[in-house]
PDB file of N, CA and C in Angstrom:
ATOM      1  N   GLN A   1     114.633 167.643  72.066  1.00  0.00           N
ATOM      2  CA  GLN A   1     114.146 166.304  72.420  1.00  0.00           C
ATOM      3  C   GLN A   1     114.614 165.272  71.700  1.00  0.00           C
ATOM      4  N   VAL A   2     114.850 164.158  72.657  1.00  0.00           N
ATOM      5  CA  VAL A   2     115.584 162.885  72.181  1.00  0.00           C
ATOM      6  C   VAL A   2     114.612 161.636  72.982  1.00  0.00           C
ATOM      7  N   GLN A   3     114.171 160.707  71.833  1.00  0.00           N
ATOM      8  CA  GLN A   3     113.600 159.754  72.441  1.00  0.00           C
ATOM      9  C   GLN A   3     114.122 158.310  72.195  1.00  0.00           C
ATOM     10  N   LEU A   4     113.966 157.448  73.026  1.00  0.00           N
ATOM     11  CA  LEU A   4     114.755 156.300  73.399  1.00  0.00           C
ATOM     12  C   LEU A   4     114.182 155.108  72.893  1.00  0.00           C
ATOM     13  N   VAL A   5     114.385 153.854  72.612  1.00  0.00           N
ATOM     14  CA  VAL A   5     113.865 152.684  72.629  1.00  0.00           C
ATOM     15  C   VAL A   5     114.694 151.904  72.594  1.00  0.00           C
ATOM     16  N   GLU A   6     114.749 150.977  73.709  1.00  0.00           N
ATOM     17  CA  GLU A   6     115.277 149.680  73.883  1.00  0.00           C
ATOM     18  C   GLU A   6     114.983 148.484  73.079  1.00  0.00           C
ATOM     19  N   SER A   7     115.569 147.417  72.800  1.00  0.00           N
ATOM     20  CA  SER A   7     115.161 146.468  72.429  1.00  0.00           C
ATOM     21  C   SER A   7     116.590 145.420  72.640  1.00  0.00           C
ATOM     22  N   GLY A   8     116.431 144.021  72.721  1.00  0.00           N
ATOM     23  CA  GLY A   8     117.417 143.014  73.074  1.00  0.00           C
ATOM     24  C   GLY A   8     117.546 142.708  74.031  1.00  0.00           C
ATOM     25  N   GLY A   9     116.540 142.438  74.988  1.00  0.00           N
ATOM     26  CA  GLY A   9     116.260 142.096  76.286  1.00  0.00           C
ATOM     27  C   GLY A   9     115.506 140.719  75.623  1.00  0.00           C
ATOM     28  N   GLY A  10     115.769 139.704  77.115  1.00  0.00           N
ATOM     29  CA  GLY A  10     115.197 138.185  76.633  1.00  0.00           C
ATOM     30  C   GLY A  10     115.546 137.645  77.728  1.00  0.00           C
ATOM     31  N   LEU A  11     115.362 136.302  77.481  1.00  0.00           N
ATOM     32  CA  LEU A  11     115.954 135.164  78.631  1.00  0.00           C
ATOM     33  C   LEU A  11     116.976 134.412  78.405  1.00  0.00           C
ATOM     34  N   VAL A  12     117.643 134.590  79.130  1.00  0.00           N
ATOM     35  CA  VAL A  12     118.977 133.840  78.962  1.00  0.00           C
ATOM     36  C   VAL A  12     119.619 132.724  80.219  1.00  0.00           C
ATOM     37  N   GLN A  13     120.353 131.753  79.973  1.00  0.00           N
ATOM     38  CA  GLN A  13     120.478 130.877  81.164  1.00  0.00           C
ATOM     39  C   GLN A  13     122.413 131.926  81.619  1.00  0.00           C
ATOM     40  N   ALA A  14     122.347 131.252  83.044  1.00  0.00           N
ATOM     41  CA  ALA A  14     123.607 132.394  84.064  1.00  0.00           C
ATOM     42  C   ALA A  14     124.478 131.603  82.779  1.00  0.00           C
ATOM     43  N   GLY A  15     125.707 132.538  82.911  1.00  0.00           N
ATOM     44  CA  GLY A  15     126.797 132.168  82.278  1.00  0.00           C
ATOM     45  C   GLY A  15     126.628 133.299  80.289  1.00  0.00           C
ATOM     46  N   GLY A  16     125.615 133.081  79.774  1.00  0.00           N
ATOM     47  CA  GLY A  16     125.500 133.803  78.626  1.00  0.00           C
ATOM     48  C   GLY A  16     125.598 135.073  78.840  1.00  0.00           C
ATOM     49  N   SER A  17     125.050 135.210  77.393  1.00  0.00           N
ATOM     50  CA  SER A  17     125.204 136.894  76.970  1.00  0.00           C
ATOM     51  C   SER A  17     124.206 137.045  76.175  1.00  0.00           C
ATOM     52  N   LEU A  18     124.070 138.972  76.386  1.00  0.00           N
ATOM     53  CA  LEU A  18     123.419 139.298  75.574  1.00  0.00           C
ATOM     54  C   LEU A  18     123.936 140.763  75.157  1.00  0.00           C
ATOM     55  N   ARG A  19     122.996 141.162  74.122  1.00  0.00           N
ATOM     56  CA  ARG A  19     123.429 142.820  73.688  1.00  0.00           C
ATOM     57  C   ARG A  19     122.317 143.510  73.829  1.00  0.00           C
ATOM     58  N   LEU A  20     121.974 144.741  74.550  1.00  0.00           N
ATOM     59  CA  LEU A  20     120.965 145.722  74.516  1.00  0.00           C
ATOM     60  C   LEU A  20     121.231 147.009  73.397  1.00  0.00           C
ATOM     61  N   SER A  21     120.183 146.851  72.697  1.00  0.00           N
ATOM     62  CA  SER A  21     120.433 148.218  71.955  1.00  0.00           C
ATOM     63  C   SER A  21     119.455 149.473  72.574  1.00  0.00           C
ATOM     64  N   CYS A  22     120.076 150.406  72.112  1.00  0.00           N
ATOM     65  CA  CYS A  22     118.756 151.568  72.321  1.00  0.00           C
ATOM     66  C   CYS A  22     119.316 152.799  71.262  1.00  0.00           C
ATOM     67  N   ALA A  23     118.092 152.337  70.497  1.00  0.00           N
ATOM     68  CA  ALA A  23     117.855 153.540  69.212  1.00  0.00           C
ATOM     69  C   ALA A  23     117.316 154.822  69.752  1.00  0.00           C
ATOM     70  N   ALA A  24     118.101 155.493  69.430  1.00  0.00           N
ATOM     71  CA  ALA A  24     117.809 157.241  69.842  1.00  0.00           C
ATOM     72  C   ALA A  24     117.367 157.921  68.559  1.00  0.00           C
ATOM     73  N   SER A  25     116.614 158.969  68.475  1.00  0.00           N
ATOM     74  CA  SER A  25     115.894 160.025  67.676  1.00  0.00           C
ATOM     75  C   SER A  25     115.922 161.201  68.167  1.00  0.00           C
ATOM     76  N   GLY A  26     116.192 162.358  67.493  1.00  0.00           N
ATOM     77  CA  GLY A  26     116.697 163.569  67.964  1.00  0.00           C
ATOM     78  C   GLY A  26     117.699 163.957  67.608  1.00  0.00           C
ATOM     79  N   ARG A  27     118.078 165.721  67.215  1.00  0.00           N
ATOM     80  CA  ARG A  27     118.982 166.170  67.125  1.00  0.00           C
ATOM     81  C   ARG A  27     120.424 166.064  68.029  1.00  0.00           C
ATOM     82  N   THR A  28     119.860 166.182  69.492  1.00  0.00           N
ATOM     83  CA  THR A  28     120.582 166.390  70.274  1.00  0.00           C
ATOM     84  C   THR A  28     121.656 164.874  70.727  1.00  0.00           C
ATOM     85  N   PHE A  29     121.486 163.632  70.225  1.00  0.00           N
ATOM     86  CA  PHE A  29     121.903 162.609  70.743  1.00  0.00           C
ATOM     87  C   PHE A  29     123.353 162.657  70.871  1.00  0.00           C
ATOM     88  N   SER A  30     123.926 163.240  69.741  1.00  0.00           N
ATOM     89  CA  SER A  30     125.236 163.250  69.919  1.00  0.00           C
ATOM     90  C   SER A  30     125.741 164.161  70.597  1.00  0.00           C
ATOM     91  N   ARG A  31     125.260 165.052  71.658  1.00  0.00           N
ATOM     92  CA  ARG A  31     125.525 165.660  72.602  1.00  0.00           C
ATOM     93  C   ARG A  31     124.765 165.226  73.853  1.00  0.00           C
ATOM     94  N   CYS A  32     124.572 163.915  73.941  1.00  0.00           N
ATOM     95  CA  CYS A  32     124.113 163.563  74.937  1.00  0.00           C
ATOM     96  C   CYS A  32     125.226 162.593  75.708  1.00  0.00           C
ATOM     97  N   HIS A  33     125.429 162.209  77.085  1.00  0.00           N
ATOM     98  CA  HIS A  33     126.189 161.427  77.651  1.00  0.00           C
ATOM     99  C   HIS A  33     124.855 160.215  77.698  1.00  0.00           C
ATOM    100  N   MET A  34     124.972 159.005  77.925  1.00  0.00           N
ATOM    101  CA  MET A  34     123.949 158.020  77.773  1.00  0.00           C
ATOM    102  C   MET A  34     124.909 156.940  78.658  1.00  0.00           C
ATOM    103  N   GLY A  35     123.434 156.717  79.582  1.00  0.00           N
ATOM    104  CA  GLY A  35     123.422 155.529  80.317  1.00  0.00           C
ATOM    105  C   GLY A  35     122.700 154.407  80.396  1.00  0.00           C
ATOM    106  N   TRP A  36     122.763 153.621  81.214  1.00  0.00           N
ATOM    107  CA  TRP A  36     121.872 152.267  81.153  1.00  0.00           C
ATOM    108  C   TRP A  36     121.642 152.241  83.093  1.00  0.00           C
ATOM    109  N   PHE A  37     120.772 151.819  83.074  1.00  0.00           N
ATOM    110  CA  PHE A  37     120.033 151.470  84.786  1.00  0.00           C
ATOM    111  C   PHE A  37     119.324 150.588  84.177  1.00  0.00           C
ATOM    112  N   ARG A  38     119.206 149.807  85.724  1.00  0.00           N
ATOM    113  CA  ARG A  38     118.282 148.613  85.524  1.00  0.00           C
ATOM    114  C   ARG A  38     117.637 148.609  86.788  1.00  0.00           C
ATOM    115  N   GLN A  39     116.357 147.841  86.715  1.00  0.00           N
ATOM    116  CA  GLN A  39     115.367 148.012  88.406  1.00  0.00           C
ATOM    117  C   GLN A  39     114.871 146.806  88.529  1.00  0.00           C
ATOM    118  N   VAL A  40     114.456 146.343  89.425  1.00  0.00           N
ATOM    119  CA  VAL A  40     113.412 144.888  90.280  1.00  0.00           C
ATOM    120  C   VAL A  40     112.545 145.410  90.785  1.00  0.00           C
ATOM    121  N   PRO A  41     111.371 144.765  90.639  1.00  0.00           N
ATOM    122  CA  PRO A  41     110.102 145.298  91.543  1.00  0.00           C
ATOM    123  C   PRO A  41     110.532 145.048  93.290  1.00  0.00           C
ATOM    124  N   GLY A  42     109.730 146.635  93.501  1.00  0.00           N
ATOM    125  CA  GLY A  42     110.354 147.214  95.127  1.00  0.00           C
ATOM    126  C   GLY A  42     111.993 147.645  95.171  1.00  0.00           C
ATOM    127  N   LYS A  43     112.606 147.549  94.432  1.00  0.00           N
ATOM    128  CA  LYS A  43     113.920 148.155  94.723  1.00  0.00           C
ATOM    129  C   LYS A  43     114.343 149.709  93.636  1.00  0.00           C
ATOM    130  N   GLU A  44     114.781 150.268  93.938  1.00  0.00           N
ATOM    131  CA  GLU A  44     115.310 151.936  93.554  1.00  0.00           C
ATOM    132  C   GLU A  44     115.986 151.584  91.944  1.00  0.00           C
ATOM    133  N   ARG A  45     115.559 151.796  91.137  1.00  0.00           N
ATOM    134  CA  ARG A  45     116.295 151.935  89.839  1.00  0.00           C
ATOM    135  C   ARG A  45     117.855 152.618  90.330  1.00  0.00           C
ATOM    136  N   GLU A  46     118.900 151.328  89.611  1.00  0.00           N
ATOM    137  CA  GLU A  46     119.780 151.481  89.891  1.00  0.00           C
ATOM    138  C   GLU A  46     121.126 152.013  88.684  1.00  0.00           C
ATOM    139  N   PHE A  47     122.106 152.393  88.693  1.00  0.00           N
ATOM    140  CA  PHE A  47     122.862 152.575  88.039  1.00  0.00           C
ATOM    141  C   PHE A  47     123.806 151.328  87.220  1.00  0.00           C
ATOM    142  N   VAL A  48     123.962 151.388  86.022  1.00  0.00           N
ATOM    143  CA  VAL A  48     124.748 150.166  85.467  1.00  0.00           C
ATOM    144  C   VAL A  48     126.416 150.824  84.869  1.00  0.00           C
ATOM    145  N   ALA A  49     125.497 151.672  84.096  1.00  0.00           N
ATOM    146  CA  ALA A  49     127.017 152.001  83.508  1.00  0.00           C
ATOM    147  C   ALA A  49     126.714 153.344  82.376  1.00  0.00           C
ATOM    148  N   TYR A  50     127.654 154.147  82.283  1.00  0.00           N
ATOM    149  CA  TYR A  50     127.518 155.290  81.589  1.00  0.00           C
ATOM    150  C   TYR A  50     128.860 155.903  80.404  1.00  0.00           C
ATOM    151  N   ILE A  51     128.299 156.435  79.239  1.00  0.00           N
ATOM    152  CA  ILE A  51     129.327 156.651  78.293  1.00  0.00           C
ATOM    153  C   ILE A  51     129.391 158.215  78.011  1.00  0.00           C
ATOM    154  N   THR A  52     130.377 159.085  77.641  1.00  0.00           N
ATOM    155  CA  THR A  52     130.235 160.112  77.546  1.00  0.00           C
ATOM    156  C   THR A  52     129.748 160.023  76.307  1.00  0.00           C
ATOM    157  N   TRP A  53     129.602 162.032  75.662  1.00  0.00           N
ATOM    158  CA  TRP A  53     128.972 161.917  73.943  1.00  0.00           C
ATOM    159  C   TRP A  53     129.784 161.681  73.317  1.00  0.00           C
ATOM    160  N   SER A  54     131.172 161.603  73.241  1.00  0.00           N
ATOM    161  CA  SER A  54     132.119 161.241  72.794  1.00  0.00           C
ATOM    162  C   SER A  54     132.775 159.723  72.317  1.00  0.00           C
ATOM    163  N   GLY A  55     132.368 159.581  73.673  1.00  0.00           N
ATOM    164  CA  GLY A  55     132.389 157.633  73.562  1.00  0.00           C
ATOM    165  C   GLY A  55     133.889 157.931  74.331  1.00  0.00           C
ATOM    166  N   GLY A  56     134.621 158.719  74.438  1.00  0.00           N
ATOM    167  CA  GLY A  56     135.688 159.029  75.473  1.00  0.00           C
ATOM    168  C   GLY A  56     136.053 158.404  76.684  1.00  0.00           C
ATOM    169  N   SER A  57     134.966 158.145  77.463  1.00  0.00           N
ATOM    170  CA  SER A  57     134.996 158.083  79.079  1.00  0.00           C
ATOM    171  C   SER A  57     133.824 156.893  79.172  1.00  0.00           C
ATOM    172  N   THR A  58     134.093 156.277  79.730  1.00  0.00           N
ATOM    173  CA  THR A  58     133.084 154.825  80.073  1.00  0.00           C
ATOM    174  C   THR A  58     133.045 154.760  81.649  1.00  0.00           C
ATOM    175  N   ALA A  59     131.980 154.584  82.637  1.00  0.00           N
ATOM    176  CA  ALA A  59     132.241 154.082  83.842  1.00  0.00           C
ATOM    177  C   ALA A  59     131.065 152.776  84.031  1.00  0.00           C
ATOM    178  N   TYR A  60     131.217 152.102  85.022  1.00  0.00           N
ATOM    179  CA  TYR A  60     130.382 151.162  85.544  1.00  0.00           C
ATOM    180  C   TYR A  60     129.757 151.095  86.659  1.00  0.00           C
ATOM    181  N   ALA A  61     129.082 149.899  87.577  1.00  0.00           N
ATOM    182  CA  ALA A  61     128.840 149.732  88.609  1.00  0.00           C
ATOM    183  C   ALA A  61     130.027 148.653  88.902  1.00  0.00           C
ATOM    184  N   ASP A  62     129.890 148.476  89.953  1.00  0.00           N
ATOM    185  CA  ASP A  62     130.981 147.301  90.815  1.00  0.00           C
ATOM    186  C   ASP A  62     130.320 146.072  90.223  1.00  0.00           C
ATOM    187  N   SER A  63     129.182 145.777  90.303  1.00  0.00           N
ATOM    188  CA  SER A  63     128.534 145.051  90.136  1.00  0.00           C
ATOM    189  C   SER A  63     128.636 144.038  89.121  1.00  0.00           C
ATOM    190  N   VAL A  64     129.101 145.135  87.999  1.00  0.00           N
ATOM    191  CA  VAL A  64     128.579 144.689  86.439  1.00  0.00           C
ATOM    192  C   VAL A  64     130.003 144.809  85.809  1.00  0.00           C
ATOM    193  N   LYS A  65     131.411 145.449  86.434  1.00  0.00           N
ATOM    194  CA  LYS A  65     132.430 146.053  86.135  1.00  0.00           C
ATOM    195  C   LYS A  65     132.874 144.080  85.855  1.00  0.00           C
ATOM    196  N   GLY A  66     134.048 144.606  84.172  1.00  0.00           N
ATOM    197  CA  GLY A  66     134.484 143.310  84.013  1.00  0.00           C
ATOM    198  C   GLY A  66     134.017 142.039  83.199  1.00  0.00           C
ATOM    199  N   ARG A  67     132.016 142.541  83.119  1.00  0.00           N
ATOM    200  CA  ARG A  67     131.505 141.795  82.592  1.00  0.00           C
ATOM    201  C   ARG A  67     130.219 142.445  81.454  1.00  0.00           C
ATOM    202  N   PHE A  68     130.475 143.620  81.902  1.00  0.00           N
ATOM    203  CA  PHE A  68     129.110 144.980  81.091  1.00  0.00           C
ATOM    204  C   PHE A  68     130.140 145.877  80.114  1.00  0.00           C
ATOM    205  N   THR A  69     130.033 146.014  78.767  1.00  0.00           N
ATOM    206  CA  THR A  69     130.723 147.038  78.064  1.00  0.00           C
ATOM    207  C   THR A  69     129.747 147.825  77.680  1.00  0.00           C
ATOM    208  N   ILE A  70     129.693 149.208  77.531  1.00  0.00           N
ATOM    209  CA  ILE A  70     129.157 150.083  76.975  1.00  0.00           C
ATOM    210  C   ILE A  70     129.920 150.825  75.590  1.00  0.00           C
ATOM    211  N   SER A  71     128.777 150.970  74.991  1.00  0.00           N
ATOM    212  CA  SER A  71     129.371 151.637  73.369  1.00  0.00           C
ATOM    213  C   SER A  71     128.356 152.299  72.391  1.00  0.00           C
ATOM    214  N   ARG A  72     128.888 153.049  72.094  1.00  0.00           N
ATOM    215  CA  ARG A  72     127.816 154.109  71.225  1.00  0.00           C
ATOM    216  C   ARG A  72     128.316 154.297  69.861  1.00  0.00           C
ATOM    217  N   ASP A  73     127.609 154.609  69.272  1.00  0.00           N
ATOM    218  CA  ASP A  73     127.710 154.887  67.307  1.00  0.00           C
ATOM    219  C   ASP A  73     126.912 155.571  67.199  1.00  0.00           C
ATOM    220  N   ASN A  74     127.532 157.365  67.038  1.00  0.00           N
ATOM    221  CA  ASN A  74     126.946 158.325  66.920  1.00  0.00           C
ATOM    222  C   ASN A  74     126.380 158.808  65.360  1.00  0.00           C
ATOM    223  N   ALA A  75     126.794 157.900  64.712  1.00  0.00           N
ATOM    224  CA  ALA A  75     126.138 157.734  63.195  1.00  0.00           C
ATOM    225  C   ALA A  75     125.415 157.407  63.490  1.00  0.00           C
ATOM    226  N   LYS A  76     124.799 156.108  63.831  1.00  0.00           N
ATOM    227  CA  LYS A  76     123.783 155.138  63.745  1.00  0.00           C
ATOM    228  C   LYS A  76     122.743 155.803  64.845  1.00  0.00           C
ATOM    229  N   GLY A  77     122.562 156.721  66.008  1.00  0.00           N
ATOM    230  CA  GLY A  77     122.148 157.127  66.412  1.00  0.00           C
ATOM    231  C   GLY A  77     121.774 156.113  67.622  1.00  0.00           C
ATOM    232  N   SER A  78     122.604 155.020  68.154  1.00  0.00           N
ATOM    233  CA  SER A  78     122.310 154.352  69.203  1.00  0.00           C
ATOM    234  C   SER A  78     123.547 153.818  70.126  1.00  0.00           C
ATOM    235  N   VAL A  79     123.443 153.178  71.192  1.00  0.00           N
ATOM    236  CA  VAL A  79     123.932 153.072  72.580  1.00  0.00           C
ATOM    237  C   VAL A  79     123.890 151.847  72.894  1.00  0.00           C
ATOM    238  N   TYR A  80     124.810 151.033  73.015  1.00  0.00           N
ATOM    239  CA  TYR A  80     124.061 149.453  72.926  1.00  0.00           C
ATOM    240  C   TYR A  80     124.902 148.847  74.591  1.00  0.00           C
ATOM    241  N   LEU A  81     124.728 147.802  75.485  1.00  0.00           N
ATOM    242  CA  LEU A  81     124.884 147.314  76.496  1.00  0.00           C
ATOM    243  C   LEU A  81     125.543 146.006  76.434  1.00  0.00           C
ATOM    244  N   HIS A  82     126.823 145.349  75.902  1.00  0.00           N
ATOM    245  CA  HIS A  82     127.012 144.034  75.994  1.00  0.00           C
ATOM    246  C   HIS A  82     127.122 143.749  77.064  1.00  0.00           C
ATOM    247  N   MET A  83     126.064 142.215  77.108  1.00  0.00           N
ATOM    248  CA  MET A  83     126.313 141.941  78.709  1.00  0.00           C
ATOM    249  C   MET A  83     126.697 140.466  78.787  1.00  0.00           C
ATOM    250  N   ASN A  84     128.026 140.110  79.539  1.00  0.00           N
ATOM    251  CA  ASN A  84     128.700 139.007  79.505  1.00  0.00           C
ATOM    252  C   ASN A  84     128.929 138.291  81.035  1.00  0.00           C
ATOM    253  N   SER A  85     128.670 136.399  80.961  1.00  0.00           N
ATOM    254  CA  SER A  85     128.620 136.494  82.331  1.00  0.00           C
ATOM    255  C   SER A  85     127.325 136.254  82.729  1.00  0.00           C
ATOM    256  N   LEU A  86     126.439 136.534  82.213  1.00  0.00           N
ATOM    257  CA  LEU A  86     125.256 137.245  82.858  1.00  0.00           C
ATOM    258  C   LEU A  86     124.643 135.702  84.061  1.00  0.00           C
ATOM    259  N   LYS A  87     124.326 137.017  85.310  1.00  0.00           N
ATOM    260  CA  LYS A  87     124.222 136.220  86.959  1.00  0.00           C
ATOM    261  C   LYS A  87     122.515 135.983  86.623  1.00  0.00           C
ATOM    262  N   PRO A  88     121.886 135.406  87.496  1.00  0.00           N
ATOM    263  CA  PRO A  88     120.632 135.376  88.343  1.00  0.00           C
ATOM    264  C   PRO A  88     120.254 136.756  88.740  1.00  0.00           C
ATOM    265  N   ASP A  89     120.979 137.812  89.328  1.00  0.00           N
ATOM    266  CA  ASP A  89     121.140 139.076  89.915  1.00  0.00           C
ATOM    267  C   ASP A  89     121.330 140.229  89.172  1.00  0.00           C
ATOM    268  N   ASP A  90     121.599 139.625  87.640  1.00  0.00           N
ATOM    269  CA  ASP A  90     121.371 140.744  86.603  1.00  0.00           C
ATOM    270  C   ASP A  90     120.017 140.844  86.360  1.00  0.00           C
ATOM    271  N   THR A  91     118.547 140.097  86.480  1.00  0.00           N
ATOM    272  CA  THR A  91     117.453 140.277  86.306  1.00  0.00           C
ATOM    273  C   THR A  91     117.040 141.293  86.513  1.00  0.00           C
ATOM    274  N   ALA A  92     116.113 141.756  85.786  1.00  0.00           N
ATOM    275  CA  ALA A  92     115.939 143.129  85.742  1.00  0.00           C
ATOM    276  C   ALA A  92     115.519 143.954  84.876  1.00  0.00           C
ATOM    277  N   VAL A  93     114.552 145.077  84.528  1.00  0.00           N
ATOM    278  CA  VAL A  93     114.289 145.790  83.507  1.00  0.00           C
ATOM    279  C   VAL A  93     115.091 146.814  83.294  1.00  0.00           C
ATOM    280  N   TYR A  94     115.792 146.637  81.970  1.00  0.00           N
ATOM    281  CA  TYR A  94     117.039 147.443  81.963  1.00  0.00           C
ATOM    282  C   TYR A  94     116.505 148.882  80.894  1.00  0.00           C
ATOM    283  N   TYR A  95     116.942 149.978  81.614  1.00  0.00           N
ATOM    284  CA  TYR A  95     116.737 151.565  80.654  1.00  0.00           C
ATOM    285  C   TYR A  95     117.460 152.111  80.278  1.00  0.00           C
ATOM    286  N   CYS A  96     117.674 152.370  79.258  1.00  0.00           N
ATOM    287  CA  CYS A  96     118.163 153.560  78.602  1.00  0.00           C
ATOM    288  C   CYS A  96     118.329 154.811  78.868  1.00  0.00           C
ATOM    289  N   ALA A  97     119.000 155.761  79.194  1.00  0.00           N
ATOM    290  CA  ALA A  97     118.773 157.150  79.325  1.00  0.00           C
ATOM    291  C   ALA A  97     119.982 158.462  78.902  1.00  0.00           C
ATOM    292  N   GLY A  98     119.551 159.205  78.551  1.00  0.00           N
ATOM    293  CA  GLY A  98     120.587 160.413  77.933  1.00  0.00           C
ATOM    294  C   GLY A  98     120.017 161.648  79.054  1.00  0.00           C
ATOM    295  N   ILE A  99     121.218 162.280  78.728  1.00  0.00           N
ATOM    296  CA  ILE A  99     121.317 163.975  79.702  1.00  0.00           C
ATOM    297  C   ILE A  99     122.292 164.508  78.737  1.00  0.00           C
ATOM    298  N   THR A 100     121.597 165.495  78.572  1.00  0.00           N
ATOM    299  CA  THR A 100     122.375 166.724  77.574  1.00  0.00           C
ATOM    300  C   THR A 100     123.537 167.561  78.079  1.00  0.00           C
ATOM    301  N   ALA A 101     125.033 166.905  78.109  1.00  0.00           N
ATOM    302  CA  ALA A 101     126.060 167.883  78.210  1.00  0.00           C
ATOM    303  C   ALA A 101     125.802 169.323  77.669  1.00  0.00           C
ATOM    304  N   PRO A 102     126.449 170.365  78.798  1.00  0.00           N
ATOM    305  CA  PRO A 102     127.187 170.011  79.963  1.00  0.00           C
ATOM    306  C   PRO A 102     126.277 169.647  80.906  1.00  0.00           C
ATOM    307  N   ILE A 103     126.177 169.305  81.717  1.00  0.00           N
ATOM    308  CA  ILE A 103     125.664 168.351  82.868  1.00  0.00           C
ATOM    309  C   ILE A 103     125.301 169.422  83.963  1.00  0.00           C
ATOM    310  N   GLY A 104     126.234 169.793  84.380  1.00  0.00           N
ATOM    311  CA  GLY A 104     126.431 170.957  85.413  1.00  0.00           C
ATOM    312  C   GLY A 104     126.517 170.336  86.674  1.00  0.00           C
ATOM    313  N   SER A 105     126.208 170.400  87.569  1.00  0.00           N
ATOM    314  CA  SER A 105     126.116 169.715  89.022  1.00  0.00           C
ATOM    315  C   SER A 105     125.929 168.306  88.900  1.00  0.00           C
ATOM    316  N   ARG A 106     124.716 167.997  88.188  1.00  0.00           N
ATOM    317  CA  ARG A 106     124.313 166.493  88.244  1.00  0.00           C
ATOM    318  C   ARG A 106     125.466 165.718  87.870  1.00  0.00           C
ATOM    319  N   SER A 107     124.741 164.405  88.353  1.00  0.00           N
ATOM    320  CA  SER A 107     126.126 163.364  88.224  1.00  0.00           C
ATOM    321  C   SER A 107     125.662 162.228  87.294  1.00  0.00           C
ATOM    322  N   LEU A 108     126.639 161.619  86.526  1.00  0.00           N
ATOM    323  CA  LEU A 108     126.039 160.306  85.351  1.00  0.00           C
ATOM    324  C   LEU A 108     125.806 159.525  86.100  1.00  0.00           C
ATOM    325  N   TYR A 109     125.980 159.141  87.714  1.00  0.00           N
ATOM    326  CA  TYR A 109     125.708 157.825  87.888  1.00  0.00           C
ATOM    327  C   TYR A 109     124.558 158.168  88.940  1.00  0.00           C
ATOM    328  N   GLY A 110     124.141 159.255  88.932  1.00  0.00           N
ATOM    329  CA  GLY A 110     122.403 159.480  89.317  1.00  0.00           C
ATOM    330  C   GLY A 110     121.012 159.361  88.700  1.00  0.00           C
ATOM    331  N   ARG A 111     120.328 159.272  88.931  1.00  0.00           N
ATOM    332  CA  ARG A 111     119.292 159.416  88.367  1.00  0.00           C
ATOM    333  C   ARG A 111     118.335 160.322  87.522  1.00  0.00           C
ATOM    334  N   ASP A 112     119.456 161.423  87.448  1.00  0.00           N
ATOM    335  CA  ASP A 112     118.856 162.744  87.024  1.00  0.00           C
ATOM    336  C   ASP A 112     119.158 163.226  85.468  1.00  0.00           C
ATOM    337  N   TYR A 113     118.869 161.988  84.555  1.00  0.00           N
ATOM    338  CA  TYR A 113     119.030 162.138  83.470  1.00  0.00           C
ATOM    339  C   TYR A 113     117.463 162.948  82.652  1.00  0.00           C
ATOM    340  N   ASP A 114     117.961 163.362  81.241  1.00  0.00           N
ATOM    341  CA  ASP A 114     116.760 164.289  80.389  1.00  0.00           C
ATOM    342  C   ASP A 114     115.716 163.663  80.066  1.00  0.00           C
ATOM    343  N   TYR A 115     116.320 161.762  79.427  1.00  0.00           N
ATOM    344  CA  TYR A 115     115.600 161.304  78.482  1.00  0.00           C
ATOM    345  C   TYR A 115     115.654 159.603  79.110  1.00  0.00           C
ATOM    346  N   TRP A 116     114.479 159.343  78.832  1.00  0.00           N
ATOM    347  CA  TRP A 116     114.744 158.186  79.215  1.00  0.00           C
ATOM    348  C   TRP A 116     113.805 156.681  78.399  1.00  0.00           C
ATOM    349  N   GLY A 117     114.080 155.657  78.273  1.00  0.00           N
ATOM    350  CA  GLY A 117     113.299 154.901  77.517  1.00  0.00           C
ATOM    351  C   GLY A 117     112.392 153.952  78.352  1.00  0.00           C
ATOM    352  N   GLN A 118     111.797 153.059  77.141  1.00  0.00           N
ATOM    353  CA  GLN A 118     110.714 152.435  78.053  1.00  0.00           C
ATOM    354  C   GLN A 118     110.909 150.952  78.785  1.00  0.00           C
ATOM    355  N   GLY A 119     112.224 150.608  78.309  1.00  0.00           N
ATOM    356  CA  GLY A 119     112.474 149.616  79.964  1.00  0.00           C
ATOM    357  C   GLY A 119     112.937 148.397  78.119  1.00  0.00           C
ATOM    358  N   THR A 120     113.604 147.453  78.682  1.00  0.00           N
ATOM    359  CA  THR A 120     113.414 145.942  78.201  1.00  0.00           C
ATOM    360  C   THR A 120     113.777 145.309  79.464  1.00  0.00           C
ATOM    361  N   GLN A 121     113.370 144.149  79.634  1.00  0.00           N
ATOM    362  CA  GLN A 121     113.419 143.230  80.313  1.00  0.00           C
ATOM    363  C   GLN A 121     114.705 141.924  79.902  1.00  0.00           C
ATOM    364  N   VAL A 122     115.370 142.220  81.214  1.00  0.00           N
ATOM    365  CA  VAL A 122     116.909 140.613  80.984  1.00  0.00           C
ATOM    366  C   VAL A 122     116.361 139.967  82.040  1.00  0.00           C
ATOM    367  N   THR A 123     115.827 138.514  81.955  1.00  0.00           N
ATOM    368  CA  THR A 123     115.868 137.499  82.510  1.00  0.00           C
ATOM    369  C   THR A 123     117.055 136.516  82.878  1.00  0.00           C
ATOM    370  N   VAL A 124     117.655 136.106  83.547  1.00  0.00           N
ATOM    371  CA  VAL A 124     118.630 134.978  83.957  1.00  0.00           C
ATOM    372  C   VAL A 124     118.222 133.988  84.860  1.00  0.00           C
ATOM    373  N   SER A 125     117.928 133.048  83.932  1.00  0.00           N
ATOM    374  CA  SER A 125     117.920 131.735  84.712  1.00  0.00           C
ATOM    375  C   SER A 125     118.812 131.168  85.476  1.00  0.00           C
ATOM    376  N   SER A 126     118.719 130.312  86.398  1.00  0.00           N
ATOM    377  CA  SER A 126     120.065 129.795  87.167  1.00  0.00           C
ATOM    378  C   SER A 126     119.884 127.957  86.313  1.00  0.00           C
TER     379      SER A 126
END
């Protein structure tokens, strides 16, 4: 089992930056690929970014590519989302998620992750 707790959300002006953190507890964290998702009221939760268990591979949604960076520190049991050049459209609740490798037929872009945090609110004002 892995428990995930996000932090770092808040209110920021457009063009600003935030760093979200996800603290993981549990022995299997280092074998988990990790993702960030976001959700606004009335819409489905959408993929933002993922990073593989080793940190060797990352991927991003087109809407955040070039502005957001995902990273992880397995020794600290943490995953981060560095968000730059924030836009009002980035306003959402951001969720950290983990999926145990190997993932078989599941997709790292999908929502079929094993573990989810409670979310942290990010609000970008114009």
